[in-house]
Every structure is written in C-alpha cells, then in structure tokens.
C-alpha cells in the first residue's frame, strides 16, 4: 500500500508499506502530485524487473 504525506511545509514523501513495514520510500518532492508520479515510476520499474526474473517451479 502506498502512503503519501507532507513531511515539512512543501515537502512530500511516498512510502510503500506492507504488513506495517516500509519496504521503499523516497522524499523531497515539492508536491503530492510529483510524489505520486515518482511512486508510479517505482511501480513500473518493479514490474519490468519481475518480467525479467526467471520463472519459478
């Protein structure tokens, strides 16, 4: 699950949290919109990496 929050006035952070553990995050964005866009790039890159992994089983 992704969360977005303002860490300081005008500074935003995105986090990917699973089972109460932050697995990835990035901060320093000047708007929530830019933080969301960066999170989507993260999702895209994870998807690309998963496609390149060898199949299990």
N, C-alpha and C. Protein backbone atom coordinates (compact mmCIF):
# COMPACT_ATOMS: atom_id res chain seq x y z
N UNK A 1 0.84 -1.16 0.00
CA UNK A 1 0.00 0.00 0.00
C UNK A 1 0.89 1.23 0.00
N UNK A 2 0.54 2.19 -0.81
CA UNK A 2 1.29 3.43 -0.87
C UNK A 2 0.67 4.47 0.06
N UNK A 3 1.54 5.21 0.71
CA UNK A 3 1.09 6.34 1.52
C UNK A 3 1.85 7.58 1.05
N UNK A 4 1.21 8.71 1.16
CA UNK A 4 1.79 9.98 0.77
C UNK A 4 1.56 10.95 1.91
N UNK A 5 2.63 11.66 2.30
CA UNK A 5 2.45 12.62 3.39
C UNK A 5 3.41 13.79 3.22
N UNK A 6 3.01 14.87 3.80
CA UNK A 6 3.83 16.07 3.79
C UNK A 6 4.73 16.01 5.02
N UNK A 7 6.03 15.94 4.81
CA UNK A 7 6.97 15.80 5.92
C UNK A 7 7.39 17.14 6.50
N UNK A 8 7.30 18.18 5.70
CA UNK A 8 7.57 19.56 6.10
C UNK A 8 6.76 20.43 5.15
N UNK A 9 6.56 21.66 5.46
CA UNK A 9 5.79 22.51 4.55
C UNK A 9 6.39 22.50 3.14
N UNK A 10 5.62 21.99 2.20
CA UNK A 10 6.06 21.95 0.80
C UNK A 10 6.98 20.80 0.44
N UNK A 11 7.14 19.83 1.33
CA UNK A 11 7.99 18.67 1.05
C UNK A 11 7.18 17.39 1.27
N UNK A 12 7.11 16.57 0.21
CA UNK A 12 6.28 15.37 0.25
C UNK A 12 7.13 14.11 0.16
N UNK A 13 6.57 13.02 0.69
CA UNK A 13 7.22 11.72 0.71
C UNK A 13 6.21 10.66 0.29
N UNK A 14 6.67 9.66 -0.48
CA UNK A 14 5.85 8.48 -0.73
C UNK A 14 6.52 7.30 -0.04
N UNK A 15 5.70 6.35 0.40
CA UNK A 15 6.20 5.13 1.04
C UNK A 15 5.38 3.95 0.55
N UNK A 16 6.05 2.83 0.37
CA UNK A 16 5.37 1.57 0.07
C UNK A 16 5.45 0.73 1.33
N UNK A 17 4.30 0.46 1.94
CA UNK A 17 4.23 -0.23 3.22
C UNK A 17 3.47 -1.55 3.04
N UNK A 18 4.04 -2.63 3.59
CA UNK A 18 3.40 -3.94 3.56
C UNK A 18 3.56 -4.56 4.93
N UNK A 19 2.44 -4.95 5.52
CA UNK A 19 2.42 -5.55 6.86
C UNK A 19 3.18 -4.70 7.87
N UNK A 20 2.87 -3.43 7.87
CA UNK A 20 3.44 -2.46 8.82
C UNK A 20 4.95 -2.26 8.67
N UNK A 21 5.51 -2.64 7.54
CA UNK A 21 6.94 -2.40 7.30
C UNK A 21 7.09 -1.57 6.04
N UNK A 22 7.89 -0.53 6.12
CA UNK A 22 8.17 0.30 4.94
C UNK A 22 9.22 -0.42 4.11
N UNK A 23 8.84 -0.81 2.90
CA UNK A 23 9.74 -1.54 2.02
C UNK A 23 10.49 -0.61 1.07
N UNK A 24 9.90 0.54 0.79
CA UNK A 24 10.56 1.52 -0.09
C UNK A 24 9.97 2.89 0.20
N UNK A 25 10.79 3.91 -0.01
CA UNK A 25 10.30 5.27 0.16
C UNK A 25 11.24 6.24 -0.54
N UNK A 26 10.73 7.40 -0.79
CA UNK A 26 11.53 8.48 -1.38
C UNK A 26 10.90 9.78 -0.94
N UNK A 27 11.70 10.77 -0.65
CA UNK A 27 11.13 12.03 -0.20
C UNK A 27 11.84 13.21 -0.85
N UNK A 28 11.29 14.39 -0.62
CA UNK A 28 11.88 15.61 -1.15
C UNK A 28 11.13 16.18 -2.34
N UNK A 29 9.91 15.73 -2.55
CA UNK A 29 9.10 16.23 -3.66
C UNK A 29 8.37 17.50 -3.25
N UNK A 30 8.23 18.42 -4.19
CA UNK A 30 7.62 19.70 -3.85
C UNK A 30 6.09 19.69 -3.92
N UNK A 31 5.51 18.55 -4.31
CA UNK A 31 4.04 18.45 -4.31
C UNK A 31 3.64 16.98 -4.19
N UNK A 32 2.41 16.77 -3.75
CA UNK A 32 1.90 15.40 -3.67
C UNK A 32 1.81 14.79 -5.06
N UNK A 33 1.48 15.58 -6.03
CA UNK A 33 1.37 15.09 -7.41
C UNK A 33 2.70 14.53 -7.90
N UNK A 34 3.79 15.22 -7.62
CA UNK A 34 5.11 14.73 -8.05
C UNK A 34 5.52 13.49 -7.26
N UNK A 35 5.15 13.43 -6.00
CA UNK A 35 5.42 12.23 -5.21
C UNK A 35 4.66 11.04 -5.76
N UNK A 36 3.41 11.25 -6.15
CA UNK A 36 2.62 10.17 -6.74
C UNK A 36 3.21 9.72 -8.08
N UNK A 37 3.67 10.66 -8.88
CA UNK A 37 4.29 10.31 -10.17
C UNK A 37 5.55 9.48 -9.95
N UNK A 38 6.35 9.84 -8.95
CA UNK A 38 7.56 9.09 -8.66
C UNK A 38 7.22 7.68 -8.17
N UNK A 39 6.17 7.55 -7.38
CA UNK A 39 5.74 6.23 -6.92
C UNK A 39 5.31 5.37 -8.10
N UNK A 40 4.65 5.96 -9.08
CA UNK A 40 4.23 5.21 -10.27
C UNK A 40 5.45 4.74 -11.08
N UNK A 41 6.49 5.53 -11.14
CA UNK A 41 7.72 5.11 -11.81
C UNK A 41 8.31 3.91 -11.07
N UNK A 42 8.29 3.95 -9.74
CA UNK A 42 8.76 2.82 -8.94
C UNK A 42 7.97 1.56 -9.29
N UNK A 43 6.65 1.68 -9.35
CA UNK A 43 5.79 0.53 -9.68
C UNK A 43 6.14 -0.01 -11.06
N UNK A 44 6.30 0.88 -12.01
CA UNK A 44 6.64 0.45 -13.37
C UNK A 44 7.96 -0.30 -13.39
N UNK A 45 8.97 0.22 -12.70
CA UNK A 45 10.28 -0.41 -12.70
C UNK A 45 10.25 -1.77 -12.00
N UNK A 46 9.47 -1.91 -10.95
CA UNK A 46 9.33 -3.21 -10.29
C UNK A 46 8.67 -4.20 -11.25
N UNK A 47 7.66 -3.75 -11.98
CA UNK A 47 7.00 -4.61 -12.97
C UNK A 47 7.96 -5.09 -14.04
N UNK A 48 8.81 -4.22 -14.52
CA UNK A 48 9.81 -4.59 -15.53
C UNK A 48 10.77 -5.61 -14.96
N UNK A 49 11.23 -5.38 -13.73
CA UNK A 49 12.16 -6.32 -13.10
C UNK A 49 11.52 -7.70 -12.91
N UNK A 50 10.26 -7.73 -12.51
CA UNK A 50 9.58 -9.02 -12.32
C UNK A 50 9.46 -9.78 -13.63
N UNK A 51 9.22 -9.09 -14.72
CA UNK A 51 9.12 -9.76 -16.02
C UNK A 51 10.45 -10.37 -16.45
N UNK A 52 11.57 -9.80 -16.00
CA UNK A 52 12.88 -10.29 -16.39
C UNK A 52 13.35 -11.43 -15.51
N UNK A 53 12.68 -11.66 -14.39
CA UNK A 53 13.08 -12.75 -13.49
C UNK A 53 12.73 -14.09 -14.11
N UNK A 54 13.56 -15.11 -13.86
CA UNK A 54 13.22 -16.44 -14.37
C UNK A 54 11.98 -16.99 -13.67
N UNK A 55 11.25 -17.81 -14.37
CA UNK A 55 10.02 -18.41 -13.81
C UNK A 55 10.38 -19.39 -12.71
N UNK A 56 9.53 -19.45 -11.69
CA UNK A 56 9.71 -20.38 -10.58
C UNK A 56 9.03 -21.70 -10.90
N UNK A 57 9.59 -22.78 -10.38
CA UNK A 57 8.91 -24.07 -10.41
C UNK A 57 9.21 -24.86 -11.59
